[in-house]
Amino acid sequence: MLAPVVAAQQQPKPLAVSPDQPVANDDRGQAFILTRDLRPLSAFGHRRKAPMSDPQQLSIFAGKDWATTLHTRETKLQSLLANVDNEADLAALQDNGIKNRFGPAFSAERADIGPGAVSDLDAQRLLAAMLSEGGLPRPNAGTILVIFLDANLQSTLGSLAAGKHYAAYHSAFNFDGARIRYVVVPYESDPATGYQIALRAFVAAALKPTQPIAK
């Protein structure tokens, strides 16, 4: 009669994750997750001066589907801020100190990646390799690199899994003397929802700098 009780006691507790609290990424830095609860941009807080008033987006479209079935989505996704047309969101960007929505953008397709799992370290290695090889422009203090995954790639962040625990996340790592800020956006079947998730992750990365987590 004790066996069911013991089994129940050994069940792992569900992970408690929150968009407002950092989690550890794969190299002991901070990462912030975003869920499918699409809060308005005004809920991100108000800053008179954003850490990035002129964020620059560099996009990497990872997976073979971006060259075929998903290619039409790229135009909107590679210029997230420029495609904001909601008056409330435009006002929220201004209130948060993001003044320039039409900065230079760059994108690259990586059809050679996948299929399979993409850990946070995998994402960092991809960015580091592309920067080292000249596949991405040299980032500056206002650069945010955004990795868009196709349906064949499954994102993980430590013990968290995309779809179950988060819809996107942003983090940072050090590379060649620079702080590289990046966003990982897993595949979303609905294009409009996918854009809104990516937009919020990008804005969050511009407004909420990440730092190393003390060991």
Protein backbone atom coordinates (compact mmCIF):
# COMPACT_ATOMS: atom_id res chain seq x y z
CA MET A 1 0.00 0.00 0.00
CA LEU A 2 2.98 2.31 0.49
CA ALA A 3 4.27 1.99 -3.06
CA PRO A 4 1.85 4.49 -4.66
CA VAL A 5 2.59 7.04 -1.92
CA VAL A 6 6.35 6.73 -2.40
CA ALA A 7 5.97 6.99 -6.18
CA ALA A 8 3.89 10.13 -5.81
CA GLN A 9 6.46 11.68 -3.48
CA GLN A 10 9.20 11.06 -6.04
CA GLN A 11 7.43 12.89 -8.85
CA PRO A 12 9.52 15.94 -9.86
CA LYS A 13 8.01 19.30 -9.09
CA PRO A 14 7.01 21.36 -12.15
CA LEU A 15 9.53 24.01 -13.12
CA ALA A 16 8.54 27.49 -11.99
CA VAL A 17 9.54 29.95 -14.66
CA SER A 18 8.59 33.60 -15.06
CA PRO A 19 9.16 36.15 -17.83
CA ASP A 20 10.07 38.68 -15.13
CA GLN A 21 12.81 36.63 -13.46
CA PRO A 22 16.06 35.52 -15.12
CA VAL A 23 16.96 31.88 -15.57
CA ALA A 24 20.47 30.52 -16.05
CA ASN A 25 21.51 29.98 -19.62
CA ASP A 26 23.91 27.19 -20.63
CA ASP A 27 27.07 29.10 -19.70
CA ARG A 28 25.84 30.41 -16.33
CA GLY A 29 24.71 33.77 -17.66
CA GLN A 30 21.24 35.26 -17.42
CA ALA A 31 18.46 34.56 -19.86
CA PHE A 32 14.95 35.95 -19.89
CA ILE A 33 12.12 33.91 -21.35
CA LEU A 34 8.93 35.06 -23.00
CA THR A 35 5.77 32.98 -22.94
CA ARG A 36 2.87 32.88 -25.38
CA ASP A 37 1.06 35.37 -23.12
CA LEU A 38 1.52 38.31 -25.47
CA ARG A 39 1.56 41.24 -23.10
CA PRO A 40 1.28 44.69 -24.70
CA LEU A 41 4.59 46.49 -25.15
CA SER A 42 3.42 49.06 -22.62
CA ALA A 43 3.67 46.32 -19.96
CA PHE A 44 7.45 46.19 -20.43
CA GLY A 45 7.82 49.28 -18.24
CA HIS A 46 8.68 52.86 -19.08
CA ARG A 47 12.24 54.11 -19.44
CA ARG A 48 13.06 57.65 -20.52
CA LYS A 49 16.36 56.36 -21.81
CA ALA A 50 16.57 52.79 -23.04
CA PRO A 51 19.84 50.84 -22.83
CA MET A 52 19.47 50.71 -26.64
CA SER A 53 17.65 53.70 -28.17
CA ASP A 54 18.66 52.63 -31.67
CA PRO A 55 18.73 48.81 -31.66
CA GLN A 56 20.10 47.15 -34.78
CA GLN A 57 18.72 43.75 -35.80
CA LEU A 58 20.90 41.06 -37.34
CA SER A 59 18.80 38.00 -38.25
CA ILE A 60 19.80 34.40 -38.82
CA PHE A 61 17.17 32.13 -40.32
CA ALA A 62 18.24 28.64 -39.26
CA GLY A 63 16.88 25.53 -40.96
CA LYS A 64 16.14 24.48 -44.52
CA ASP A 65 12.48 25.57 -44.51
CA TRP A 66 13.42 29.26 -44.58
CA ALA A 67 14.66 28.80 -48.14
CA THR A 68 11.33 27.28 -49.22
CA THR A 69 8.01 27.23 -47.37
CA LEU A 70 8.86 29.93 -44.81
CA HIS A 71 10.71 32.32 -47.11
CA THR A 72 7.82 34.77 -47.44
CA ARG A 73 7.90 35.41 -43.69
CA GLU A 74 11.45 36.72 -43.71
CA THR A 75 10.68 40.25 -44.96
CA LYS A 76 8.60 41.09 -41.90
CA LEU A 77 10.70 39.17 -39.38
CA GLN A 78 14.02 40.68 -40.42
CA SER A 79 12.76 44.21 -39.66
CA LEU A 80 10.72 43.75 -36.49
CA LEU A 81 10.59 47.38 -35.36
CA ALA A 82 9.98 48.81 -38.83
CA ASN A 83 6.84 46.69 -39.17
CA VAL A 84 5.15 47.91 -35.99
CA ASP A 85 1.88 49.57 -37.06
CA ASN A 86 -0.16 49.48 -33.86
CA GLU A 87 -0.50 52.96 -32.33
CA ALA A 88 -0.30 51.66 -28.76
CA ASP A 89 2.88 49.72 -29.53
CA LEU A 90 4.42 52.72 -31.31
CA ALA A 91 3.70 54.88 -28.27
CA ALA A 92 5.16 52.23 -25.95
CA LEU A 93 8.40 52.13 -27.96
CA GLN A 94 8.70 55.91 -27.67
CA ASP A 95 7.93 55.82 -23.95
CA ASN A 96 10.66 53.22 -23.48
CA GLY A 97 13.26 55.31 -25.25
CA ILE A 98 13.43 53.36 -28.52
CA LYS A 99 13.46 56.26 -30.98
CA ASN A 100 14.71 54.80 -34.25
CA ARG A 101 12.69 51.93 -35.75
CA PHE A 102 14.35 52.08 -39.15
CA GLY A 103 17.97 51.32 -38.43
CA PRO A 104 20.04 49.12 -40.75
CA ALA A 105 19.15 45.43 -40.76
CA PHE A 106 20.99 42.35 -42.00
CA SER A 107 19.85 38.78 -42.49
CA ALA A 108 21.38 35.44 -43.47
CA GLU A 109 19.92 32.02 -44.12
CA ARG A 110 21.54 28.88 -42.68
CA ALA A 111 19.77 26.02 -44.43
CA ASP A 112 22.60 23.67 -43.40
CA ILE A 113 21.50 23.58 -39.75
CA GLY A 114 19.33 20.77 -38.41
CA PRO A 115 17.16 18.94 -37.98
CA GLY A 116 17.33 18.31 -34.22
CA ALA A 117 17.73 20.04 -30.88
CA VAL A 118 19.36 23.47 -30.59
CA SER A 119 20.66 24.14 -27.09
CA ASP A 120 21.56 27.60 -25.86
CA LEU A 121 25.25 26.72 -26.27
CA ASP A 122 24.54 25.62 -29.83
CA ALA A 123 23.01 29.04 -30.49
CA GLN A 124 26.05 30.79 -29.01
CA ARG A 125 28.45 28.62 -31.05
CA LEU A 126 26.54 29.38 -34.24
CA LEU A 127 26.77 33.11 -33.65
CA ALA A 128 30.44 32.95 -32.65
CA ALA A 129 31.30 30.92 -35.76
CA MET A 130 29.43 33.29 -38.08
CA LEU A 131 31.12 36.31 -36.50
CA SER A 132 34.54 34.68 -36.75
CA GLU A 133 34.02 33.69 -40.39
CA GLY A 134 32.61 37.05 -41.45
CA GLY A 135 29.12 35.66 -41.98
CA LEU A 136 27.74 38.45 -39.81
CA PRO A 137 28.73 42.13 -39.61
CA ARG A 138 30.80 43.15 -36.61
CA PRO A 139 28.28 43.98 -33.86
CA ASN A 140 28.26 47.24 -31.97
CA ALA A 141 26.73 48.25 -28.63
CA GLY A 142 23.29 48.51 -30.21
CA THR A 143 23.28 45.18 -32.03
CA ILE A 144 20.88 42.35 -31.21
CA LEU A 145 21.27 39.08 -33.11
CA VAL A 146 18.03 37.18 -33.65
CA ILE A 147 18.00 33.47 -34.48
CA PHE A 148 14.76 32.27 -36.06
CA LEU A 149 14.35 28.48 -36.01
CA ASP A 150 12.28 26.48 -38.46
CA ALA A 151 9.96 23.63 -37.46
CA ASN A 152 12.76 21.05 -37.72
CA LEU A 153 14.76 22.63 -34.89
CA GLN A 154 13.78 22.34 -31.23
CA SER A 155 15.14 24.97 -28.87
CA THR A 156 16.26 24.16 -25.32
CA LEU A 157 17.52 26.45 -22.58
CA GLY A 158 19.11 24.46 -19.79
CA SER A 159 16.33 22.19 -18.52
CA LEU A 160 13.64 24.29 -20.24
CA ALA A 161 12.09 23.40 -23.58
CA ALA A 162 10.48 25.66 -26.16
CA GLY A 163 6.74 25.24 -26.41
CA LYS A 164 6.47 23.84 -22.91
CA HIS A 165 8.26 26.54 -20.92
CA TYR A 166 8.81 29.47 -23.28
CA ALA A 167 8.01 30.91 -26.69
CA ALA A 168 11.32 32.80 -27.07
CA TYR A 169 14.21 34.00 -24.94
CA HIS A 170 17.02 36.53 -24.95
CA SER A 171 20.46 36.35 -23.42
CA ALA A 172 24.08 37.47 -23.98
CA PHE A 173 27.62 36.14 -24.04
CA ASN A 174 31.11 37.53 -24.38
CA PHE A 175 32.97 37.09 -27.65
CA ASP A 176 36.21 38.66 -28.85
CA GLY A 177 35.99 41.49 -26.35
CA ALA A 178 32.35 42.30 -27.11
CA ARG A 179 29.08 41.61 -25.34
CA ILE A 180 26.85 39.78 -27.82
CA ARG A 181 23.14 40.14 -27.17
CA TYR A 182 20.94 37.60 -28.88
CA VAL A 183 17.37 36.35 -29.14
CA VAL A 184 16.24 32.81 -29.98
CA VAL A 185 12.79 32.53 -31.57
CA PRO A 186 11.50 28.96 -31.99
CA TYR A 187 9.14 28.12 -34.84
CA GLU A 188 5.57 29.33 -34.53
CA SER A 189 2.98 27.94 -36.96
CA ASP A 190 0.90 31.13 -37.07
CA PRO A 191 2.87 33.91 -38.84
CA ALA A 192 1.13 36.79 -37.04
CA THR A 193 1.72 35.24 -33.61
CA GLY A 194 5.30 34.43 -34.56
CA TYR A 195 5.94 38.06 -35.44
CA GLN A 196 4.43 39.32 -32.19
CA ILE A 197 6.51 36.88 -30.12
CA ALA A 198 9.70 37.86 -31.94
CA LEU A 199 8.93 41.58 -31.60
CA ARG A 200 8.45 41.31 -27.85
CA ALA A 201 11.61 39.27 -27.41
CA PHE A 202 13.59 41.83 -29.42
CA VAL A 203 12.20 44.77 -27.44
CA ALA A 204 12.84 42.93 -24.16
CA ALA A 205 16.46 42.37 -25.20
CA ALA A 206 16.85 46.09 -25.90
CA LEU A 207 15.29 47.13 -22.58
CA LYS A 208 16.56 44.47 -20.19
CA PRO A 209 20.33 43.85 -20.28
CA THR A 210 21.51 40.43 -19.09
CA GLN A 211 24.40 39.79 -16.73
CA PRO A 212 26.39 36.78 -15.53
CA ILE A 213 24.81 34.82 -12.70
CA ALA A 214 27.00 34.40 -9.64
CA LYS A 215 28.02 30.80 -9.01
